[in-house]
């Protein structure tokens, strides 16, 4: 069948009318005919068309351009449908070199997530973004989340395959995290301990460790982004850190500041000795930074949330108790009072006052 396609027509509407006329007259169209008709509609006034491409006897798409179309111009949904493992397959083939889109990538395994520092937090962010994408109701929001998703997957593969330092990897990662939304849902377990469904929650020690590790880069990226959730999240983190460490654990507070400033454990060891006359191993300061500090900060965030919730959200939802020493009214909760065998189940003096007088916490 010889289709009469007038390539001098530059109007999309006129081309559409012509195609409709052809399809109504021709009962049977071959796959190649359909491709030619599609190209005829898609490439209206394409400035890159050659003279041969514009002529009737040549198809719009040459062999070279056909390869480009297959790699570059296929729709996101169409590519997902073509891949065996769906959307994950897209991220498996992403490469920063635009000329190597189909470069092979090893999949991220559970072993990778367990053993590579920073990868678990990145995968948690991806899971959160995917939930937000599925729940988004506007095309603008979906587009923004899709961009953040692709960036986050790129960073996940960079973390896995990079031989760079953690600080360099973070520099590439923070631009994606800067646009992450943090719609947190908090719930209580049977022991009245608050938990969050948000991977970057301040209620989680692992999340605290991740945010502190990349604090400087995140802060620099979002310091003037008033519409960024991470911007305000870091301000909340700073407040919780001050509450948890500045007065109660001054040594830990200094270690945190110096680690963020980039000092090594060896340098911190010397500075702590000069300031406090305390001497510990370099491994000790590494453990404080990665384990002890995140645990204390997350616990302080949990305390702050409990006090806020039962003050403003459910003021009659839990019993309060006055400390016999400092006179503060605190929740009758193991976070604030040590349990004992008394009538109400707790000591009359709060944990902080018992610690000051040398009692057990």
Protein backbone atom coordinates (compact mmCIF):
# COMPACT_ATOMS: atom_id res chain seq x y z
CA UNK A 1 0.00 0.00 0.00
CA UNK A 2 1.32 3.41 -0.92
CA UNK A 3 0.24 6.10 1.51
CA UNK A 4 0.13 9.66 0.25
CA UNK A 5 1.70 11.69 3.10
CA UNK A 6 2.28 15.35 2.29
CA UNK A 7 5.35 16.37 4.28
CA UNK A 8 5.03 20.01 3.24
CA UNK A 9 2.11 20.30 5.67
CA UNK A 10 3.31 21.98 8.88
CA UNK A 11 -0.01 22.12 10.73
CA UNK A 12 -0.65 19.44 13.34
CA UNK A 13 -4.41 19.72 12.81
CA UNK A 14 -4.15 19.34 9.01
CA UNK A 15 -1.83 16.34 9.35
CA UNK A 16 -4.26 14.74 11.79
CA UNK A 17 -7.13 15.19 9.30
CA UNK A 18 -5.03 13.59 6.57
CA UNK A 19 -4.10 10.61 8.76
CA UNK A 20 -7.73 10.08 9.78
CA UNK A 21 -8.71 10.11 6.11
CA UNK A 22 -6.06 7.50 5.26
CA UNK A 23 -6.99 5.19 8.15
CA UNK A 24 -10.69 5.36 7.26
CA UNK A 25 -9.97 4.41 3.65
CA UNK A 26 -7.42 1.68 4.38
CA UNK A 27 -8.98 -1.26 6.23
CA UNK A 28 -5.70 -3.07 6.77
CA UNK A 29 -2.54 -1.29 7.81
CA UNK A 30 0.80 -3.01 8.32
CA UNK A 31 2.91 -2.35 11.43
CA UNK A 32 5.28 -0.29 9.28
CA UNK A 33 2.35 1.76 7.97
CA UNK A 34 1.31 2.54 11.53
CA UNK A 35 4.86 3.56 12.41
CA UNK A 36 5.03 5.89 9.42
CA UNK A 37 1.68 7.46 10.34
CA UNK A 38 2.79 7.95 13.93
CA UNK A 39 6.04 9.55 12.83
CA UNK A 40 4.11 11.80 10.45
CA UNK A 41 2.05 13.14 13.37
CA UNK A 42 4.90 13.36 15.88
CA UNK A 43 7.53 15.12 13.82
CA UNK A 44 5.61 18.16 12.68
CA UNK A 45 8.05 20.81 11.50
CA UNK A 46 11.03 18.98 12.97
CA UNK A 47 13.97 21.24 12.11
CA UNK A 48 16.33 18.29 12.27
CA UNK A 49 14.61 16.47 9.38
CA UNK A 50 16.79 16.01 6.34
CA UNK A 51 15.57 16.65 2.83
CA UNK A 52 15.21 12.91 2.30
CA UNK A 53 13.20 12.54 5.48
CA UNK A 54 10.78 15.19 4.29
CA UNK A 55 10.21 13.46 0.98
CA UNK A 56 7.34 11.03 0.63
CA UNK A 57 9.44 8.04 -0.35
CA UNK A 58 11.50 8.09 2.87
CA UNK A 59 10.29 7.47 6.45
CA UNK A 60 10.55 10.25 9.00
CA UNK A 61 12.76 8.15 11.29
CA UNK A 62 16.11 7.08 9.88
CA UNK A 63 18.07 4.18 11.36
CA UNK A 64 20.21 6.52 13.44
CA UNK A 65 17.26 8.47 14.75
CA UNK A 66 15.34 5.26 15.40
CA UNK A 67 18.10 4.23 17.82
CA UNK A 68 17.85 7.63 19.49
CA UNK A 69 14.08 7.33 19.81
CA UNK A 70 14.38 3.91 21.41
CA UNK A 71 16.91 5.17 23.96
CA UNK A 72 15.76 8.73 24.62
CA UNK A 73 12.21 9.42 23.56
CA UNK A 74 10.27 6.43 24.83
CA UNK A 75 7.82 7.37 27.60
CA UNK A 76 8.56 6.60 31.25
CA UNK A 77 5.50 4.35 31.50
CA UNK A 78 6.38 2.60 28.25
CA UNK A 79 9.89 1.85 29.45
CA UNK A 80 8.58 0.52 32.76
CA UNK A 81 6.29 -1.88 30.87
CA UNK A 82 9.18 -3.17 28.78
CA UNK A 83 11.40 -4.03 31.75
CA UNK A 84 11.05 -7.36 33.51
CA UNK A 85 11.46 -5.85 36.98
CA UNK A 86 9.42 -2.72 36.22
CA UNK A 87 10.42 0.64 37.66
CA UNK A 88 13.41 -0.80 39.55
CA UNK A 89 14.86 -1.73 36.18
CA UNK A 90 15.06 1.94 35.20
CA UNK A 91 17.32 2.74 38.12
CA UNK A 92 19.41 -0.33 37.44
CA UNK A 93 20.40 1.05 34.03
CA UNK A 94 20.87 4.73 34.89
CA UNK A 95 24.34 6.10 34.28
CA UNK A 96 25.52 9.68 34.69
CA UNK A 97 27.06 9.48 31.22
CA UNK A 98 24.13 10.31 28.91
CA UNK A 99 25.70 8.31 26.10
CA UNK A 100 25.62 5.15 28.25
CA UNK A 101 22.02 5.01 29.44
CA UNK A 102 21.89 1.23 29.10
CA UNK A 103 25.06 0.58 31.05
CA UNK A 104 24.56 -2.45 33.33
CA UNK A 105 24.28 -1.98 37.08
CA UNK A 106 24.34 -4.70 39.70
CA UNK A 107 21.16 -4.67 41.79
CA UNK A 108 21.26 -3.41 45.35
CA UNK A 109 20.92 -6.41 47.66
CA UNK A 110 19.90 -6.73 51.28
CA UNK A 111 23.52 -7.52 52.07
CA UNK A 112 24.53 -4.18 50.53
CA UNK A 113 21.94 -2.37 52.65
CA UNK A 114 23.15 -4.10 55.82
CA UNK A 115 26.85 -3.50 55.24
CA UNK A 116 27.31 -0.24 53.29
CA UNK A 117 27.21 2.86 55.46
CA UNK A 118 24.49 5.31 54.49
CA UNK A 119 22.75 2.95 52.05
CA UNK A 120 19.96 1.86 54.40
CA UNK A 121 18.97 5.47 55.09
CA UNK A 122 19.03 6.22 51.36
CA UNK A 123 16.77 3.22 50.64
CA UNK A 124 14.41 4.36 53.42
CA UNK A 125 14.17 7.76 51.75
CA UNK A 126 13.39 6.05 48.44
CA UNK A 127 10.62 4.00 50.07
CA UNK A 128 9.15 7.19 51.56
CA UNK A 129 9.30 8.99 48.21
CA UNK A 130 7.59 6.06 46.50
CA UNK A 131 4.75 6.17 49.04
CA UNK A 132 4.38 9.91 48.53
CA UNK A 133 4.42 9.47 44.75
CA UNK A 134 1.64 6.87 44.91
CA UNK A 135 -0.44 9.15 47.14
CA UNK A 136 0.19 12.38 45.19
CA UNK A 137 -2.93 13.91 43.65
CA UNK A 138 -1.46 16.56 41.34
CA UNK A 139 0.74 16.15 38.27
CA UNK A 140 3.11 18.85 39.58
CA UNK A 141 3.65 16.97 42.83
CA UNK A 142 4.14 13.65 40.99
CA UNK A 143 6.68 15.21 38.65
CA UNK A 144 8.67 16.68 41.54
CA UNK A 145 8.62 13.39 43.44
CA UNK A 146 9.60 11.40 40.35
CA UNK A 147 12.65 13.63 39.89
CA UNK A 148 13.60 13.19 43.55
CA UNK A 149 13.09 9.41 43.21
CA UNK A 150 15.40 9.10 40.22
CA UNK A 151 18.04 11.28 41.94
CA UNK A 152 17.80 9.17 45.11
CA UNK A 153 18.22 5.92 43.18
CA UNK A 154 21.25 7.39 41.45
CA UNK A 155 22.76 8.25 44.81
CA UNK A 156 22.01 4.76 46.13
CA UNK A 157 24.06 3.25 43.31
CA UNK A 158 26.77 5.86 43.80
CA UNK A 159 27.01 4.92 47.47
CA UNK A 160 27.27 1.25 46.54
CA UNK A 161 29.81 1.57 43.77
CA UNK A 162 31.78 4.64 44.70
CA UNK A 163 35.33 4.54 45.97
CA UNK A 164 34.99 8.12 47.09
CA UNK A 165 34.94 9.19 50.70
CA UNK A 166 31.62 9.35 52.52
CA UNK A 167 31.82 13.14 52.49
CA UNK A 168 32.13 13.25 48.67
CA UNK A 169 29.24 10.84 48.25
CA UNK A 170 27.17 13.00 50.56
CA UNK A 171 27.81 16.06 48.42
CA UNK A 172 26.17 14.24 45.52
CA UNK A 173 23.33 12.96 47.66
CA UNK A 174 22.07 16.02 49.49
CA UNK A 175 20.55 17.75 46.45
CA UNK A 176 18.03 14.92 46.24
CA UNK A 177 17.35 14.87 49.97
CA UNK A 178 16.76 18.63 49.99
CA UNK A 179 13.48 18.06 48.15
CA UNK A 180 12.28 15.15 50.26
CA UNK A 181 8.94 15.69 52.01
CA UNK A 182 8.71 14.44 55.60
CA UNK A 183 5.03 13.77 56.42
CA UNK A 184 5.57 11.98 59.71
CA UNK A 185 3.02 9.70 61.40
CA UNK A 186 3.82 8.89 65.03
CA UNK A 187 2.27 6.04 67.01
CA UNK A 188 2.82 4.55 70.49
CA UNK A 189 3.70 0.98 71.39
CA UNK A 190 2.37 -0.87 74.45
CA UNK A 191 5.06 0.75 76.65
CA UNK A 192 4.04 4.23 75.49
CA UNK A 193 7.22 4.69 73.45
CA UNK A 194 6.66 6.87 70.34
CA UNK A 195 7.62 5.45 66.95
CA UNK A 196 7.57 6.98 63.48
CA UNK A 197 6.93 5.75 59.95
CA UNK A 198 9.33 8.40 58.59
CA UNK A 199 12.83 7.14 57.65
CA UNK A 200 14.44 10.45 58.66
CA UNK A 201 12.59 10.73 61.97
CA UNK A 202 14.35 12.28 64.96
CA UNK A 203 12.79 9.50 67.06
CA UNK A 204 15.17 6.93 65.51
CA UNK A 205 18.86 6.62 66.50
CA UNK A 206 19.86 5.41 63.03
CA UNK A 207 18.21 8.46 61.45
CA UNK A 208 19.96 10.76 63.91
CA UNK A 209 23.30 9.15 63.04
CA UNK A 210 22.65 9.63 59.32
CA UNK A 211 21.59 13.29 59.70
CA UNK A 212 24.60 14.10 61.88
CA UNK A 213 26.96 12.35 59.47
CA UNK A 214 25.78 14.55 56.60
CA UNK A 215 24.76 17.58 58.67
CA UNK A 216 27.15 20.12 57.13
CA UNK A 217 26.31 19.22 53.54
CA UNK A 218 22.55 19.17 54.21
CA UNK A 219 22.76 22.48 56.07
CA UNK A 220 24.66 24.18 53.25
CA UNK A 221 22.27 22.81 50.63
CA UNK A 222 19.06 23.90 52.40
CA UNK A 223 20.02 26.92 54.52
CA UNK A 224 17.98 29.33 52.32
CA UNK A 225 15.34 26.82 51.15
CA UNK A 226 12.43 27.83 53.37
CA UNK A 227 10.10 25.43 51.54
CA UNK A 228 12.35 22.44 52.23
CA UNK A 229 11.28 20.02 54.98
CA UNK A 230 14.94 19.16 55.57
CA UNK A 231 15.67 22.84 56.34
CA UNK A 232 13.24 22.80 59.26
CA UNK A 233 14.11 19.23 60.19
CA UNK A 234 17.70 20.27 60.82
CA UNK A 235 16.54 23.15 63.03
CA UNK A 236 14.53 20.65 65.09
CA UNK A 237 17.60 18.41 65.25
CA UNK A 238 19.74 21.27 66.57
CA UNK A 239 17.21 21.99 69.32
CA UNK A 240 17.00 18.34 70.37
CA UNK A 241 20.80 18.01 70.37
CA UNK A 242 21.10 21.03 72.68
CA UNK A 243 18.43 19.61 75.01
CA UNK A 244 20.06 16.19 75.10
CA UNK A 245 23.76 16.99 75.35
CA UNK A 246 24.84 20.59 75.95
CA UNK A 247 24.34 20.65 79.75
CA UNK A 248 23.90 16.98 80.57
CA UNK A 249 26.78 15.55 78.54
CA UNK A 250 29.22 18.38 77.71
CA UNK A 251 31.97 15.98 76.60
CA UNK A 252 29.61 14.28 74.15
CA UNK A 253 28.43 17.69 72.96
CA UNK A 254 32.00 18.76 72.18
CA UNK A 255 32.70 15.46 70.40
CA UNK A 256 29.62 16.03 68.22
CA UNK A 257 30.66 19.59 67.32
CA UNK A 258 34.21 18.57 66.51
CA UNK A 259 33.16 15.56 64.44
CA UNK A 260 30.83 17.75 62.38
CA UNK A 261 33.69 20.22 61.93
CA UNK A 262 35.77 17.40 60.45
CA UNK A 263 38.27 16.67 63.21
CA UNK A 264 39.71 13.15 63.38
CA UNK A 265 39.33 10.88 66.41
CA UNK A 266 43.01 11.38 67.16
CA UNK A 267 42.60 15.16 67.22
CA UNK A 268 39.44 14.90 69.34
CA UNK A 269 41.24 12.66 71.81
CA UNK A 270 43.89 15.34 72.30
CA UNK A 271 41.36 18.19 72.58
CA UNK A 272 39.25 16.31 75.15
CA UNK A 273 42.35 15.68 77.24
CA UNK A 274 43.34 19.35 77.08
CA UNK A 275 39.85 20.54 78.07
CA UNK A 276 38.65 17.88 80.53
CA UNK A 277 41.81 15.94 81.43
CA UNK A 278 40.05 12.77 80.30
CA UNK A 279 41.87 10.19 78.24
CA UNK A 280 40.20 7.50 76.13
CA UNK A 281 41.02 5.52 73.02
CA UNK A 282 40.24 6.79 69.54
CA UNK A 283 37.75 3.92 69.17
CA UNK A 284 35.90 5.26 72.20
CA UNK A 285 35.15 8.53 70.42
CA UNK A 286 34.09 6.68 67.30
CA UNK A 287 31.59 4.67 69.39
CA UNK A 288 30.29 7.83 71.06
CA UNK A 289 29.74 9.44 67.64
CA UNK A 290 28.03 6.50 65.95
CA UNK A 291 26.18 4.87 68.86
CA UNK A 292 25.91 6.80 72.13
CA UNK A 293 25.10 10.28 70.79
CA UNK A 294 22.38 9.15 68.33
CA UNK A 295 20.76 7.08 71.09
CA UNK A 296 20.72 9.98 73.57
CA UNK A 297 19.42 12.47 70.99
CA UNK A 298 16.67 10.11 69.80
CA UNK A 299 15.63 9.45 73.41
CA UNK A 300 15.44 13.20 74.03
CA UNK A 301 13.28 13.59 70.93
CA UNK A 302 10.98 10.86 72.26
CA UNK A 303 10.73 12.64 75.61
CA UNK A 304 9.97 15.96 73.93
CA UNK A 305 7.27 14.36 71.81
CA UNK A 306 5.65 12.67 74.83
CA UNK A 307 5.56 15.93 76.79
CA UNK A 308 4.14 17.83 73.81
CA UNK A 309 1.53 15.19 73.00
CA UNK A 310 0.15 14.83 76.52
CA UNK A 311 0.25 18.59 77.07
CA UNK A 312 -1.49 19.75 73.91
CA UNK A 313 -3.04 16.78 72.10
CA UNK A 314 -4.23 14.55 74.96
CA UNK A 315 -3.84 16.53 78.21
CA UNK A 316 -5.94 13.99 80.12
CA UNK A 317 -4.50 10.96 78.35
CA UNK A 318 -1.83 10.03 80.90
CA UNK A 319 -0.99 10.53 84.58
CA UNK A 320 1.48 13.24 85.60
CA UNK A 321 3.76 13.19 88.65
CA UNK A 322 5.55 15.99 90.50
CA UNK A 323 9.22 15.47 91.35
CA UNK A 324 9.80 15.80 95.10
CA UNK A 325 13.18 17.42 94.50
CA UNK A 326 12.94 19.89 91.59
CA UNK A 327 9.15 20.35 91.68
CA UNK A 328 8.69 19.77 87.96
CA UNK A 329 5.50 18.12 86.75
CA UNK A 330 6.50 15.24 84.49
CA UNK A 331 4.78 12.26 82.95
CA UNK A 332 4.64 9.15 85.12
CA UNK A 333 6.76 7.30 82.59
CA UNK A 334 10.06 5.36 82.72
CA UNK A 335 11.66 8.13 80.66
CA UNK A 336 11.25 10.52 83.60
CA UNK A 337 10.93 8.38 86.76
CA UNK A 338 12.66 5.13 87.65
CA UNK A 339 10.22 2.30 88.43
CA UNK A 340 10.05 0.82 91.93
CA UNK A 341 7.61 -1.15 94.09
CA UNK A 342 5.80 1.89 95.53
CA UNK A 343 2.05 2.41 95.19
CA UNK A 344 2.24 4.38 91.95
CA UNK A 345 5.17 2.30 90.62
CA UNK A 346 7.78 5.09 90.50
CA UNK A 347 10.28 6.86 92.75
CA UNK A 348 9.17 10.24 94.08
CA UNK A 349 12.26 11.96 92.65
CA UNK A 350 12.77 12.20 88.88
CA UNK A 351 15.66 10.51 87.11
CA UNK A 352 17.63 13.72 86.59
CA UNK A 353 17.51 14.64 90.27
CA UNK A 354 18.40 11.09 91.33
CA UNK A 355 21.38 11.19 89.00
CA UNK A 356 22.57 14.51 90.44
CA UNK A 357 22.49 13.15 93.98
CA UNK A 358 24.29 9.97 92.95
CA UNK A 359 21.34 7.60 93.03
CA UNK A 360 20.55 4.98 90.47
CA UNK A 361 18.74 6.16 87.40
